[in-house]
Amino acid sequence: MKNIYLFALLCLCFSCKSQKSVLFEARLDGGQEPGGCYFSYIDDRSGEKEGPFILEITPPKFQEVRKRFSMDELKNHKTDSSYYQFEIKNAHVKYVFHDKDISDFTTVKKPVGYIFCLAVRDSQFRTLTINELIDRDYIVVYYEMIEPSRIIRHEARSNPIKLKGNQLYFPAGKWSDLKPVVYGSH
């Protein structure tokens, strides 16, 4: 009997787990414009009603890579002076929530919705002298992206008491398609 209660409790816990899906992955060569912003809002004229949900932005994940350079390879990194320059992190994009009022972009009164932007992060470089390279045994540390920034949608039953800093809660409603933010001229 005790095992039956335990089994029922486990089944209940697994069924209560929120469903999640990746809505977008940040890529320089993706469909969204790097540096661009996009929004969606509750619009009664839209399609099907969706249940409440939480949007979560995950940052890109990087892995540290150590590379030893030969003297021939170092020639490709030599600058005009006595320094060597290495690109240690490639340019990439990441998602950020934008707290601008979306009423500037829609005719709906007091709209409920969100705006996110695809922020561009420039390449990072490291400049070293030959003595610094010798001290490091000609090893330079790089950072390779192993997972891009993502926007993940979690199904929610109600407004949670506490959210992480990278999460936003939204009520049920008929949501508009994703639209680009276009600023008007003044």
Protein backbone atom coordinates (compact mmCIF):
# COMPACT_ATOMS: atom_id res chain seq x y z
CA MET A 1 0.00 0.00 0.00
CA LYS A 2 2.85 2.35 0.87
CA ASN A 3 4.38 1.67 -2.57
CA ILE A 4 1.13 2.59 -4.30
CA TYR A 5 1.06 5.99 -2.57
CA LEU A 6 4.70 6.57 -3.46
CA PHE A 7 4.06 5.65 -7.11
CA ALA A 8 1.00 7.96 -7.26
CA LEU A 9 3.00 10.81 -5.74
CA LEU A 10 5.82 10.34 -8.26
CA CYS A 11 3.37 10.28 -11.18
CA LEU A 12 1.75 13.47 -9.89
CA CYS A 13 5.13 15.22 -9.59
CA PHE A 14 6.14 14.30 -13.14
CA SER A 15 2.79 15.42 -14.58
CA CYS A 16 3.06 18.78 -12.79
CA LYS A 17 6.39 19.59 -14.38
CA SER A 18 6.01 22.51 -16.75
CA GLN A 19 6.28 21.92 -20.47
CA LYS A 20 8.99 23.93 -22.16
CA SER A 21 10.00 24.60 -25.71
CA VAL A 22 12.75 26.61 -27.36
CA LEU A 23 11.15 29.47 -29.29
CA PHE A 24 14.29 31.07 -30.73
CA GLU A 25 18.05 30.51 -30.92
CA ALA A 26 20.32 33.53 -31.37
CA ARG A 27 22.50 33.18 -34.45
CA LEU A 28 24.33 35.73 -36.58
CA ASP A 29 23.09 33.96 -39.69
CA GLY A 30 19.56 33.31 -38.40
CA GLY A 31 16.28 34.80 -39.58
CA GLN A 32 16.29 37.66 -37.07
CA GLU A 33 18.27 40.82 -37.68
CA PRO A 34 21.29 41.22 -35.35
CA GLY A 35 20.67 44.39 -33.34
CA GLY A 36 16.95 44.22 -34.11
CA CYS A 37 14.09 44.11 -31.63
CA TYR A 38 10.84 42.16 -31.87
CA PHE A 39 7.56 42.21 -29.98
CA SER A 40 4.33 40.31 -29.46
CA TYR A 41 1.21 41.29 -27.53
CA ILE A 42 -2.24 40.02 -26.61
CA ASP A 43 -4.49 40.81 -29.56
CA ASP A 44 -8.09 39.57 -29.54
CA ARG A 45 -8.06 39.62 -33.35
CA SER A 46 -5.30 36.97 -33.45
CA GLY A 47 -5.61 33.18 -33.68
CA GLU A 48 -6.09 30.67 -30.91
CA LYS A 49 -6.02 31.52 -27.23
CA GLU A 50 -2.87 30.33 -25.49
CA GLY A 51 -2.49 29.52 -21.81
CA PRO A 52 -0.28 31.51 -19.43
CA PHE A 53 3.46 31.11 -19.90
CA ILE A 54 6.90 32.21 -18.77
CA LEU A 55 9.56 33.38 -21.20
CA GLU A 56 13.14 32.72 -20.15
CA ILE A 57 16.26 33.99 -21.85
CA THR A 58 19.32 31.80 -21.49
CA PRO A 59 22.75 33.32 -22.17
CA PRO A 60 25.19 31.72 -24.59
CA LYS A 61 27.48 29.09 -23.09
CA PHE A 62 31.19 29.02 -23.81
CA GLN A 63 33.87 26.42 -23.36
CA GLU A 64 37.49 27.25 -22.59
CA VAL A 65 39.94 25.91 -25.17
CA ARG A 66 43.72 26.03 -24.84
CA LYS A 67 45.79 26.11 -28.01
CA ARG A 68 49.55 25.87 -28.31
CA PHE A 69 51.03 27.87 -31.21
CA SER A 70 54.07 27.00 -33.24
CA MET A 71 56.47 29.73 -34.39
CA ASP A 72 55.03 29.45 -37.91
CA GLU A 73 51.48 29.94 -36.62
CA LEU A 74 52.55 32.95 -34.56
CA LYS A 75 53.56 34.77 -37.76
CA ASN A 76 49.85 34.97 -38.69
CA HIS A 77 49.12 36.81 -35.42
CA LYS A 78 52.00 39.29 -35.47
CA THR A 79 50.98 42.94 -35.49
CA ASP A 80 53.00 45.81 -36.91
CA SER A 81 54.74 46.21 -33.58
CA SER A 82 56.28 43.55 -31.37
CA TYR A 83 52.90 42.22 -30.27
CA TYR A 84 50.78 39.22 -31.21
CA GLN A 85 47.00 39.51 -31.38
CA PHE A 86 44.53 36.64 -30.97
CA GLU A 87 40.77 36.56 -31.37
CA ILE A 88 39.78 34.75 -28.18
CA LYS A 89 35.98 34.97 -28.59
CA ASN A 90 34.10 35.26 -31.87
CA ALA A 91 31.40 37.86 -32.45
CA HIS A 92 28.03 36.51 -31.37
CA VAL A 93 24.50 37.59 -30.54
CA LYS A 94 22.40 37.11 -27.45
CA TYR A 95 18.82 37.82 -26.49
CA VAL A 96 17.87 40.52 -23.98
CA PHE A 97 14.44 41.65 -22.80
CA HIS A 98 13.69 45.29 -23.59
CA ASP A 99 11.59 47.19 -21.07
CA LYS A 100 10.25 49.76 -23.56
CA ASP A 101 6.49 50.30 -23.46
CA ILE A 102 4.96 48.36 -26.36
CA SER A 103 2.05 50.82 -26.65
CA ASP A 104 4.39 52.86 -28.88
CA PHE A 105 4.21 50.06 -31.48
CA THR A 106 0.53 49.03 -31.46
CA THR A 107 -2.92 50.63 -31.49
CA VAL A 108 -4.17 48.37 -28.67
CA LYS A 109 -4.92 50.32 -25.49
CA LYS A 110 -2.83 49.20 -22.49
CA PRO A 111 -1.28 46.28 -24.35
CA VAL A 112 0.16 43.29 -22.54
CA GLY A 113 3.21 41.88 -24.23
CA TYR A 114 6.96 41.71 -24.48
CA ILE A 115 9.89 43.03 -26.47
CA PHE A 116 13.20 41.29 -26.90
CA CYS A 117 16.29 42.33 -28.81
CA LEU A 118 19.10 40.45 -30.47
CA ALA A 119 22.15 42.21 -28.98
CA VAL A 120 25.42 41.96 -30.88
CA ARG A 121 28.58 41.17 -28.93
CA ASP A 122 31.81 42.04 -30.74
CA SER A 123 34.78 39.73 -31.01
CA GLN A 124 37.20 39.83 -28.10
CA PHE A 125 40.93 39.99 -28.67
CA ARG A 126 43.99 39.42 -26.56
CA THR A 127 47.34 41.04 -27.29
CA LEU A 128 50.52 39.44 -25.96
CA THR A 129 54.24 40.02 -26.25
CA ILE A 130 56.67 37.26 -27.19
CA ASN A 131 57.85 37.13 -23.56
CA GLU A 132 54.26 36.62 -22.35
CA LEU A 133 53.83 33.85 -24.90
CA ILE A 134 57.07 32.19 -23.75
CA ASP A 135 55.89 32.42 -20.10
CA ARG A 136 52.64 30.72 -21.15
CA ASP A 137 54.50 28.02 -23.10
CA TYR A 138 52.96 29.45 -26.31
CA ILE A 139 49.46 28.56 -25.10
CA VAL A 140 46.55 30.95 -25.69
CA VAL A 141 43.14 30.44 -24.11
CA TYR A 142 40.13 30.75 -26.44
CA TYR A 143 36.40 30.58 -25.75
CA GLU A 144 34.22 28.59 -28.15
CA MET A 145 30.45 28.88 -28.06
CA ILE A 146 28.89 25.52 -27.30
CA GLU A 147 25.30 26.74 -26.98
CA PRO A 148 23.71 29.92 -28.35
CA SER A 149 21.46 32.26 -26.39
CA ARG A 150 17.86 31.02 -26.42
CA ILE A 151 14.35 32.13 -25.60
CA ILE A 152 12.52 29.30 -23.90
CA ARG A 153 8.79 29.21 -23.28
CA HIS A 154 7.55 27.41 -20.15
CA GLU A 155 3.86 26.61 -19.78
CA ALA A 156 2.51 28.02 -16.49
CA ARG A 157 -0.69 27.43 -14.58
CA SER A 158 -0.64 30.73 -12.72
CA ASN A 159 1.55 33.70 -11.97
CA PRO A 160 4.54 32.36 -10.01
CA ILE A 161 5.45 33.97 -6.71
CA LYS A 162 9.06 34.45 -7.72
CA LEU A 163 10.79 34.63 -11.11
CA LYS A 164 14.46 34.63 -12.00
CA GLY A 165 15.93 37.85 -13.39
CA ASN A 166 15.92 36.39 -16.90
CA GLN A 167 12.23 35.35 -16.82
CA LEU A 168 8.94 37.14 -17.48
CA TYR A 169 5.39 35.86 -16.84
CA PHE A 170 2.52 36.45 -19.30
CA PRO A 171 -1.20 35.71 -18.88
CA ALA A 172 -3.38 33.65 -21.19
CA GLY A 173 -4.62 35.32 -24.34
CA LYS A 174 -4.59 35.44 -28.10
CA TRP A 175 -1.03 36.48 -28.94
CA SER A 176 -0.04 38.34 -32.08
CA ASP A 177 2.62 37.06 -34.44
CA LEU A 178 6.14 38.28 -33.70
CA LYS A 179 6.69 41.71 -35.28
CA PRO A 180 9.82 43.80 -35.74
CA VAL A 181 10.07 46.99 -33.68
CA VAL A 182 10.03 49.97 -36.04
CA TYR A 183 10.70 53.35 -34.52
CA GLY A 184 8.85 56.27 -36.07
CA SER A 185 10.54 59.49 -37.06
CA HIS A 186 9.86 62.64 -35.04
